[in-house]
Every structure is written in C-alpha cells, then in structure tokens.
C-alpha cells in the first residue's frame, strides 16, 4: 500500500477510536505498520503501557513481510511498552518471541476460519 494511504488509514483508525471512546465504548487500540518509514506515525499519539491489538493478517506471508512485521513489533514494544498484546490472527512463535523476552503477555484470539471449521 502506498505510504500516503498507510498514513490515511492510521488517521482513520485513530479517529474512529477517539469517537468510540468519546461515546463511552472501551476499545483495544489496533496498531498496524509497514516498513520502517511507517514507525513514526504508526505509534504516534498512543500511550505507553496497557493493551494493544495487532494482526498478522497479510503481514507474514513471505520472508520479507515477516521481517517487516518482526521489526515493527520490536519498534512498537520500544515505543509503547505494552503490558499485553492481543493478536487477532494466526500466532507464529518466532514472531512473538520478542514479547516473551520482554515479559509482555500475548493473547491470541481464535481465527474465524478455525471457528467456522469447528476447531477446538
């Protein structure tokens, strides 16, 4: 996705989060990033600590994507110091090892396709 669209989508994410919170709805902020150019705005305006959501959907399909996701996850941890990360897509131990090393709890939600297939 072009950088301008990534900036725009981050803006939309934050705007919707603000609106929901302003209307009394508790949320878990979703954080997305691309390559290192996105790290500055991807974490901008977010508080340190607490719980954040990430999704590996479309982000770990090949070696290059995995590299960028892992690099971004480390940058997110450095910038936001989360207590908990909610992963809403497939869990890959090699990607989330950095969380274990930093003492961050990772909660992985069951993927919808597993639910549809009747997985446990």
N, C-alpha and C. Protein backbone atom coordinates (compact mmCIF):
# COMPACT_ATOMS: atom_id res chain seq x y z
N UNK A 1 0.85 -1.18 0.00
CA UNK A 1 0.00 0.00 0.00
C UNK A 1 0.89 1.24 0.00
N UNK A 2 0.57 2.22 -0.80
CA UNK A 2 1.38 3.45 -0.82
C UNK A 2 1.43 4.10 0.57
N UNK A 3 2.53 4.76 0.87
CA UNK A 3 2.73 5.38 2.17
C UNK A 3 1.61 6.35 2.52
N UNK A 4 1.17 7.15 1.56
CA UNK A 4 0.09 8.12 1.83
C UNK A 4 -1.18 7.42 2.30
N UNK A 5 -1.49 6.27 1.72
CA UNK A 5 -2.67 5.52 2.15
C UNK A 5 -2.48 4.92 3.53
N UNK A 6 -1.26 4.53 3.86
CA UNK A 6 -0.98 4.00 5.20
C UNK A 6 -1.17 5.10 6.25
N UNK A 7 -0.72 6.29 5.93
CA UNK A 7 -0.92 7.43 6.84
C UNK A 7 -2.41 7.72 6.99
N UNK A 8 -3.13 7.74 5.89
CA UNK A 8 -4.57 8.00 5.90
C UNK A 8 -5.31 6.94 6.72
N UNK A 9 -4.97 5.67 6.54
CA UNK A 9 -5.64 4.61 7.28
C UNK A 9 -5.32 4.66 8.78
N UNK A 10 -4.11 5.07 9.13
CA UNK A 10 -3.77 5.26 10.55
C UNK A 10 -4.60 6.40 11.12
N UNK A 11 -4.74 7.47 10.38
CA UNK A 11 -5.59 8.59 10.80
C UNK A 11 -7.03 8.12 11.03
N UNK A 12 -7.56 7.36 10.09
CA UNK A 12 -8.94 6.86 10.23
C UNK A 12 -9.08 5.96 11.46
N UNK A 13 -8.08 5.12 11.69
CA UNK A 13 -8.07 4.23 12.85
C UNK A 13 -8.15 5.05 14.14
N UNK A 14 -7.31 6.05 14.26
CA UNK A 14 -7.27 6.88 15.47
C UNK A 14 -8.55 7.70 15.63
N UNK A 15 -9.09 8.19 14.52
CA UNK A 15 -10.31 8.98 14.58
C UNK A 15 -11.48 8.14 15.06
N UNK A 16 -11.61 6.95 14.54
CA UNK A 16 -12.69 6.07 14.97
C UNK A 16 -12.51 5.67 16.44
N UNK A 17 -11.28 5.37 16.83
CA UNK A 17 -11.00 5.02 18.23
C UNK A 17 -11.40 6.18 19.15
N UNK A 18 -11.04 7.39 18.78
CA UNK A 18 -11.39 8.57 19.58
C UNK A 18 -12.90 8.70 19.69
N UNK A 19 -13.60 8.56 18.57
CA UNK A 19 -15.06 8.69 18.57
C UNK A 19 -15.71 7.64 19.46
N UNK A 20 -15.25 6.40 19.35
CA UNK A 20 -15.81 5.33 20.18
C UNK A 20 -15.58 5.61 21.66
N UNK A 21 -14.36 5.99 22.01
CA UNK A 21 -14.05 6.29 23.41
C UNK A 21 -14.85 7.49 23.91
N UNK A 22 -15.03 8.49 23.06
CA UNK A 22 -15.82 9.67 23.43
C UNK A 22 -17.28 9.32 23.67
N UNK A 23 -17.72 8.22 23.13
CA UNK A 23 -19.09 7.77 23.30
C UNK A 23 -19.21 6.63 24.31
N UNK A 24 -18.20 6.51 25.17
CA UNK A 24 -18.27 5.58 26.28
C UNK A 24 -17.97 4.13 25.96
N UNK A 25 -17.40 3.87 24.81
CA UNK A 25 -17.09 2.49 24.43
C UNK A 25 -15.62 2.22 24.70
N UNK A 26 -15.37 1.19 25.51
CA UNK A 26 -13.98 0.78 25.77
C UNK A 26 -13.44 0.05 24.55
N UNK A 27 -12.23 0.38 24.18
CA UNK A 27 -11.62 -0.24 23.00
C UNK A 27 -10.22 -0.74 23.33
N UNK A 28 -9.74 -1.63 22.48
CA UNK A 28 -8.33 -2.00 22.46
C UNK A 28 -7.80 -1.43 21.15
N UNK A 29 -6.88 -0.51 21.24
CA UNK A 29 -6.36 0.17 20.05
C UNK A 29 -5.60 -0.81 19.17
N UNK A 30 -5.93 -0.79 17.89
CA UNK A 30 -5.26 -1.61 16.90
C UNK A 30 -4.06 -0.84 16.35
N UNK A 31 -2.93 -1.52 16.26
CA UNK A 31 -1.72 -0.89 15.74
C UNK A 31 -1.26 -1.66 14.51
N UNK A 32 -1.03 -0.93 13.42
CA UNK A 32 -0.53 -1.52 12.19
C UNK A 32 0.67 -0.70 11.71
N UNK A 33 1.57 -1.34 11.01
CA UNK A 33 2.74 -0.67 10.47
C UNK A 33 3.16 -1.39 9.21
N UNK A 34 4.07 -0.77 8.48
CA UNK A 34 4.64 -1.38 7.29
C UNK A 34 6.15 -1.47 7.49
N UNK A 35 6.88 -0.86 6.58
CA UNK A 35 8.34 -0.84 6.74
C UNK A 35 8.72 0.26 7.73
N UNK A 36 10.02 0.47 7.87
CA UNK A 36 10.49 1.41 8.89
C UNK A 36 10.00 2.85 8.68
N UNK A 37 9.59 3.21 7.47
CA UNK A 37 9.07 4.57 7.23
C UNK A 37 7.78 4.82 8.00
N UNK A 38 7.06 3.78 8.35
CA UNK A 38 5.76 3.93 8.99
C UNK A 38 5.83 3.99 10.51
N UNK A 39 6.97 3.66 11.08
CA UNK A 39 7.05 3.54 12.54
C UNK A 39 6.75 4.83 13.27
N UNK A 40 7.16 5.96 12.73
CA UNK A 40 6.94 7.23 13.41
C UNK A 40 5.45 7.51 13.59
N UNK A 41 4.67 7.39 12.53
CA UNK A 41 3.25 7.72 12.64
C UNK A 41 2.41 6.54 13.16
N UNK A 42 2.90 5.33 13.03
CA UNK A 42 2.12 4.17 13.48
C UNK A 42 1.93 4.16 15.00
N UNK A 43 2.87 4.72 15.73
CA UNK A 43 2.82 4.69 17.19
C UNK A 43 2.56 6.06 17.80
N UNK A 44 2.48 7.07 16.95
CA UNK A 44 2.32 8.45 17.39
C UNK A 44 0.98 8.66 18.09
N UNK A 45 1.03 9.35 19.22
CA UNK A 45 -0.18 9.70 19.94
C UNK A 45 -0.74 8.59 20.82
N UNK A 46 -0.06 7.46 20.89
CA UNK A 46 -0.54 6.35 21.72
C UNK A 46 0.22 6.33 23.05
N UNK A 47 -0.48 5.99 24.11
CA UNK A 47 0.11 5.97 25.44
C UNK A 47 0.99 4.75 25.65
N UNK A 48 1.94 4.88 26.54
CA UNK A 48 2.76 3.73 26.91
C UNK A 48 2.01 2.88 27.91
N UNK A 49 2.27 1.57 27.85
CA UNK A 49 1.61 0.62 28.74
C UNK A 49 0.25 0.23 28.21
N UNK A 50 -0.42 -0.63 28.95
CA UNK A 50 -1.77 -1.04 28.57
C UNK A 50 -1.78 -2.16 27.55
N UNK A 51 -2.90 -2.26 26.86
CA UNK A 51 -3.15 -3.34 25.91
C UNK A 51 -3.31 -2.79 24.51
N UNK A 52 -2.68 -3.44 23.57
CA UNK A 52 -2.79 -3.08 22.16
C UNK A 52 -3.09 -4.33 21.33
N UNK A 53 -3.78 -4.14 20.22
CA UNK A 53 -4.09 -5.24 19.33
C UNK A 53 -3.21 -5.16 18.08
N UNK A 54 -2.78 -6.32 17.63
CA UNK A 54 -2.06 -6.43 16.35
C UNK A 54 -2.62 -7.63 15.60
N UNK A 55 -2.47 -7.60 14.31
CA UNK A 55 -2.90 -8.73 13.50
C UNK A 55 -1.84 -9.07 12.47
N UNK A 56 -1.57 -10.33 12.33
CA UNK A 56 -0.57 -10.78 11.36
C UNK A 56 -1.19 -10.99 9.98
N UNK A 57 -2.47 -10.74 9.84
CA UNK A 57 -3.18 -10.96 8.58
C UNK A 57 -2.51 -10.19 7.43
N UNK A 58 -2.03 -10.92 6.44
CA UNK A 58 -1.38 -10.31 5.29
C UNK A 58 0.02 -9.79 5.56
N UNK A 59 0.54 -10.02 6.76
CA UNK A 59 1.82 -9.43 7.16
C UNK A 59 2.95 -10.44 7.31
N UNK A 60 2.66 -11.72 7.19
CA UNK A 60 3.71 -12.73 7.40
C UNK A 60 3.69 -13.79 6.31
N UNK A 61 3.27 -13.42 5.12
CA UNK A 61 3.11 -14.39 4.04
C UNK A 61 4.43 -14.82 3.41
N UNK A 62 5.43 -13.99 3.51
CA UNK A 62 6.73 -14.36 2.94
C UNK A 62 7.84 -13.82 3.85
N UNK A 63 9.07 -14.15 3.51
CA UNK A 63 10.22 -13.78 4.35
C UNK A 63 10.35 -12.27 4.55
N UNK A 64 10.14 -11.53 3.50
CA UNK A 64 10.26 -10.07 3.57
C UNK A 64 9.19 -9.47 4.48
N UNK A 65 7.94 -9.94 4.30
CA UNK A 65 6.84 -9.46 5.14
C UNK A 65 7.08 -9.80 6.61
N UNK A 66 7.54 -11.01 6.87
CA UNK A 66 7.82 -11.43 8.25
C UNK A 66 8.89 -10.53 8.87
N UNK A 67 9.91 -10.21 8.07
CA UNK A 67 10.97 -9.33 8.55
C UNK A 67 10.40 -7.98 8.98
N UNK A 68 9.57 -7.37 8.12
CA UNK A 68 8.99 -6.07 8.43
C UNK A 68 8.06 -6.15 9.64
N UNK A 69 7.29 -7.24 9.75
CA UNK A 69 6.39 -7.37 10.88
C UNK A 69 7.18 -7.48 12.18
N UNK A 70 8.19 -8.33 12.18
CA UNK A 70 9.01 -8.51 13.39
C UNK A 70 9.72 -7.20 13.77
N UNK A 71 10.25 -6.51 12.78
CA UNK A 71 10.93 -5.24 13.02
C UNK A 71 9.94 -4.22 13.60
N UNK A 72 8.75 -4.17 13.05
CA UNK A 72 7.72 -3.25 13.53
C UNK A 72 7.23 -3.60 14.92
N UNK A 73 7.10 -4.90 15.19
CA UNK A 73 6.68 -5.32 16.53
C UNK A 73 7.70 -4.89 17.57
N UNK A 74 8.97 -5.06 17.26
CA UNK A 74 10.03 -4.60 18.18
C UNK A 74 9.97 -3.09 18.37
N UNK A 75 9.75 -2.36 17.28
CA UNK A 75 9.66 -0.89 17.37
C UNK A 75 8.44 -0.49 18.19
N UNK A 76 7.33 -1.21 18.03
CA UNK A 76 6.13 -0.93 18.80
C UNK A 76 6.38 -1.15 20.29
N UNK A 77 7.06 -2.25 20.61
CA UNK A 77 7.37 -2.55 22.01
C UNK A 77 8.26 -1.45 22.60
N UNK A 78 9.25 -1.02 21.84
CA UNK A 78 10.13 0.06 22.31
C UNK A 78 9.36 1.37 22.54
N UNK A 79 8.44 1.68 21.62
CA UNK A 79 7.73 2.95 21.69
C UNK A 79 6.59 2.94 22.71
N UNK A 80 5.86 1.83 22.79
CA UNK A 80 4.63 1.82 23.59
C UNK A 80 4.74 1.05 24.91
N UNK A 81 5.73 0.21 25.03
CA UNK A 81 5.91 -0.60 26.26
C UNK A 81 4.59 -1.23 26.72
N UNK A 82 3.93 -1.99 25.85
CA UNK A 82 2.63 -2.57 26.22
C UNK A 82 2.76 -3.64 27.30
N UNK A 83 1.71 -3.77 28.10
CA UNK A 83 1.65 -4.84 29.08
C UNK A 83 1.13 -6.12 28.43
N UNK A 84 0.19 -5.94 27.50
CA UNK A 84 -0.47 -7.05 26.83
C UNK A 84 -0.64 -6.73 25.35
N UNK A 85 -0.48 -7.74 24.52
CA UNK A 85 -0.76 -7.62 23.09
C UNK A 85 -1.81 -8.67 22.74
N UNK A 86 -2.88 -8.22 22.11
CA UNK A 86 -3.91 -9.12 21.63
C UNK A 86 -3.64 -9.34 20.14
N UNK A 87 -3.35 -10.58 19.79
CA UNK A 87 -3.10 -10.94 18.40
C UNK A 87 -4.39 -11.53 17.85
N UNK A 88 -4.94 -10.91 16.81
CA UNK A 88 -6.23 -11.36 16.29
C UNK A 88 -6.10 -12.12 14.97
N UNK A 89 -4.96 -12.71 14.75
CA UNK A 89 -4.83 -13.58 13.59
C UNK A 89 -3.92 -14.73 13.99
N UNK A 90 -3.32 -15.40 13.04
CA UNK A 90 -2.51 -16.56 13.38
C UNK A 90 -1.29 -16.21 14.23
N UNK A 91 -1.00 -17.05 15.18
CA UNK A 91 0.14 -16.89 16.07
C UNK A 91 1.33 -17.65 15.50
N UNK A 92 2.45 -16.99 15.43
CA UNK A 92 3.70 -17.61 14.99
C UNK A 92 4.73 -17.35 16.08
N UNK A 93 5.15 -18.41 16.76
CA UNK A 93 6.03 -18.28 17.92
C UNK A 93 7.29 -17.47 17.60
N UNK A 94 7.89 -17.70 16.42
CA UNK A 94 9.13 -16.98 16.10
C UNK A 94 8.92 -15.47 16.01
N UNK A 95 7.73 -15.05 15.69
CA UNK A 95 7.46 -13.62 15.60
C UNK A 95 7.25 -13.01 16.98
N UNK A 96 6.56 -13.70 17.85
CA UNK A 96 6.20 -13.15 19.14
C UNK A 96 7.20 -13.49 20.25
N UNK A 97 8.33 -14.10 19.91
CA UNK A 97 9.37 -14.39 20.89
C UNK A 97 9.83 -13.12 21.59
N UNK A 98 9.91 -12.03 20.87
CA UNK A 98 10.34 -10.76 21.45
C UNK A 98 9.43 -10.34 22.60
N UNK A 99 8.16 -10.68 22.51
CA UNK A 99 7.22 -10.35 23.58
C UNK A 99 7.54 -11.13 24.84
N UNK A 100 7.78 -12.43 24.66
CA UNK A 100 8.17 -13.27 25.80
C UNK A 100 9.41 -12.72 26.47
N UNK A 101 10.39 -12.35 25.66
CA UNK A 101 11.66 -11.84 26.18
C UNK A 101 11.47 -10.54 26.98
N UNK A 102 10.44 -9.78 26.63
CA UNK A 102 10.18 -8.51 27.31
C UNK A 102 9.13 -8.64 28.41
N UNK A 103 8.63 -9.84 28.63
CA UNK A 103 7.63 -10.06 29.67
C UNK A 103 6.24 -9.56 29.31
N UNK A 104 5.95 -9.48 28.02
CA UNK A 104 4.65 -8.99 27.56
C UNK A 104 3.74 -10.19 27.32
N UNK A 105 2.55 -10.14 27.91
CA UNK A 105 1.56 -11.19 27.69
C UNK A 105 1.00 -11.07 26.28
N UNK A 106 0.90 -12.19 25.57
CA UNK A 106 0.29 -12.22 24.25
C UNK A 106 -0.96 -13.09 24.33
N UNK A 107 -2.09 -12.50 23.98
CA UNK A 107 -3.35 -13.23 23.93
C UNK A 107 -3.71 -13.37 22.45
N UNK A 108 -3.84 -14.60 22.00
CA UNK A 108 -4.20 -14.83 20.60
C UNK A 108 -5.64 -15.28 20.52
N UNK A 109 -6.43 -14.54 19.76
CA UNK A 109 -7.82 -14.90 19.55
C UNK A 109 -7.91 -15.97 18.47
N UNK A 110 -8.86 -16.85 18.65
CA UNK A 110 -9.05 -17.91 17.67
C UNK A 110 -9.41 -17.29 16.32
N UNK A 111 -8.79 -17.80 15.27
CA UNK A 111 -9.06 -17.29 13.93
C UNK A 111 -10.46 -17.70 13.49
N UNK A 112 -11.18 -16.82 12.82
CA UNK A 112 -12.56 -17.08 12.44
C UNK A 112 -12.70 -18.34 11.60
N UNK A 113 -11.72 -18.64 10.75
CA UNK A 113 -11.84 -19.84 9.91
C UNK A 113 -11.76 -21.11 10.75
N UNK A 114 -11.00 -21.07 11.85
CA UNK A 114 -10.96 -22.22 12.76
C UNK A 114 -12.32 -22.39 13.43
N UNK A 115 -12.94 -21.30 13.78
CA UNK A 115 -14.25 -21.34 14.40
C UNK A 115 -15.27 -21.93 13.42
N UNK A 116 -15.22 -21.48 12.17
CA UNK A 116 -16.15 -21.96 11.16
C UNK A 116 -15.96 -23.44 10.85
N UNK A 117 -14.74 -23.93 10.96
CA UNK A 117 -14.46 -25.34 10.69
C UNK A 117 -14.75 -26.21 11.91
N UNK A 118 -15.13 -25.59 13.01
CA UNK A 118 -15.44 -26.35 14.21
C UNK A 118 -14.21 -26.72 15.00
N UNK A 119 -13.13 -25.93 14.88
CA UNK A 119 -11.91 -26.22 15.62
C UNK A 119 -12.11 -26.05 17.11
N UNK A 120 -11.25 -26.65 17.88
CA UNK A 120 -11.38 -26.61 19.34
C UNK A 120 -10.92 -25.29 19.88
